Amino acid sequence: MNKPVVLSDLDDTLFQTRRKMVDELALEPFRTGAVDRTLNPRSFMTEEQSMLGGLASGAG
């Protein structure tokens, strides 16, 4: 059985910086999308973007 492969541009498609979300897009961060080297939140997702994680975890 073949498994699906999804290719996507990550930045601004699946997550973005808090500054960009709040200042440019007028969106409220919903969930952390990525952390920096010190494990501090660096990028964030909207609620809709975070739903992809649930779909991906059930795909395998």
C-alpha atoms as a PDB file:
ATOM      1  CA  MET A   1       0.000   0.000   0.000  1.00  0.00           C
ATOM      2  CA  ASN A   2       1.312   3.449  -0.898  1.00  0.00           C
ATOM      3  CA  LYS A   3       1.497   6.090   1.816  1.00  0.00           C
ATOM      4  CA  PRO A   4       0.737   9.712   0.988  1.00  0.00           C
ATOM      5  CA  VAL A   5       3.579  12.212   0.779  1.00  0.00           C
ATOM      6  CA  VAL A   6       2.872  15.882   1.413  1.00  0.00           C
ATOM      7  CA  LEU A   7       5.345  18.613   0.492  1.00  0.00           C
ATOM      8  CA  SER A   8       4.774  22.118   1.793  1.00  0.00           C
ATOM      9  CA  ASP A   9       6.531  25.412   2.364  1.00  0.00           C
ATOM     10  CA  LEU A  10       6.621  25.626   6.152  1.00  0.00           C
ATOM     11  CA  ASP A  11       7.170  29.312   6.902  1.00  0.00           C
ATOM     12  CA  ASP A  12       3.954  31.335   6.542  1.00  0.00           C
ATOM     13  CA  THR A  13       2.067  28.258   5.355  1.00  0.00           C
ATOM     14  CA  LEU A  14       2.072  26.078   8.472  1.00  0.00           C
ATOM     15  CA  PHE A  15       3.392  28.568  11.041  1.00  0.00           C
ATOM     16  CA  GLN A  16       4.664  32.131  11.395  1.00  0.00           C
ATOM     17  CA  THR A  17       6.171  34.476  13.998  1.00  0.00           C
ATOM     18  CA  ARG A  18       3.978  36.014  16.683  1.00  0.00           C
ATOM     19  CA  ARG A  19       4.832  39.486  15.316  1.00  0.00           C
ATOM     20  CA  LYS A  20       3.613  38.609  11.847  1.00  0.00           C
ATOM     21  CA  MET A  21       0.445  36.987  13.164  1.00  0.00           C
ATOM     22  CA  VAL A  22      -0.530  39.833  15.467  1.00  0.00           C
ATOM     23  CA  ASP A  23       0.800  42.905  13.631  1.00  0.00           C
ATOM     24  CA  GLU A  24       0.384  41.999   9.963  1.00  0.00           C
ATOM     25  CA  LEU A  25      -2.351  39.366   9.833  1.00  0.00           C
ATOM     26  CA  ALA A  26      -4.461  40.357  12.876  1.00  0.00           C
ATOM     27  CA  LEU A  27      -4.502  36.726  14.035  1.00  0.00           C
ATOM     28  CA  GLU A  28      -4.138  35.313  17.529  1.00  0.00           C
ATOM     29  CA  PRO A  29      -1.529  32.551  17.994  1.00  0.00           C
ATOM     30  CA  PHE A  30      -3.228  29.267  18.917  1.00  0.00           C
ATOM     31  CA  ARG A  31      -0.374  26.772  19.346  1.00  0.00           C
ATOM     32  CA  THR A  32       3.425  26.734  19.241  1.00  0.00           C
ATOM     33  CA  GLY A  33       4.670  25.633  15.824  1.00  0.00           C
ATOM     34  CA  ALA A  34       8.432  25.673  16.469  1.00  0.00           C
ATOM     35  CA  VAL A  35      10.873  26.399  19.274  1.00  0.00           C
ATOM     36  CA  ASP A  36      14.350  27.934  19.256  1.00  0.00           C
ATOM     37  CA  ARG A  37      17.573  26.357  20.581  1.00  0.00           C
ATOM     38  CA  THR A  38      16.652  27.221  24.159  1.00  0.00           C
ATOM     39  CA  LEU A  39      13.194  25.659  23.685  1.00  0.00           C
ATOM     40  CA  ASN A  40      11.382  29.000  23.780  1.00  0.00           C
ATOM     41  CA  PRO A  41       8.418  29.331  21.408  1.00  0.00           C
ATOM     42  CA  ARG A  42       9.593  30.871  18.128  1.00  0.00           C
ATOM     43  CA  SER A  43       6.774  30.302  15.617  1.00  0.00           C
ATOM     44  CA  PHE A  44       3.067  29.818  16.054  1.00  0.00           C
ATOM     45  CA  MET A  45       0.049  28.325  14.299  1.00  0.00           C
ATOM     46  CA  THR A  46      -3.564  29.349  13.958  1.00  0.00           C
ATOM     47  CA  GLU A  47      -6.222  26.881  15.065  1.00  0.00           C
ATOM     48  CA  GLU A  48      -6.813  25.881  11.448  1.00  0.00           C
ATOM     49  CA  GLN A  49      -3.107  25.343  10.789  1.00  0.00           C
ATOM     50  CA  SER A  50      -2.755  23.205  13.922  1.00  0.00           C
ATOM     51  CA  MET A  51      -5.455  20.825  12.655  1.00  0.00           C
ATOM     52  CA  LEU A  52      -2.974  19.544  10.071  1.00  0.00           C
ATOM     53  CA  GLY A  53      -0.927  17.999  12.881  1.00  0.00           C
ATOM     54  CA  GLY A  54      -3.875  15.850  13.869  1.00  0.00           C
ATOM     55  CA  LEU A  55      -4.384  14.738  10.304  1.00  0.00           C
ATOM     56  CA  ALA A  56      -0.693  13.923   9.882  1.00  0.00           C
ATOM     57  CA  SER A  57      -0.507  11.884  13.089  1.00  0.00           C
ATOM     58  CA  GLY A  58      -3.384   9.701  11.900  1.00  0.00           C
ATOM     59  CA  ALA A  59      -1.972   9.212   8.414  1.00  0.00           C
ATOM     60  CA  GLY A  60       0.757   6.759   9.280  1.00  0.00           C
END
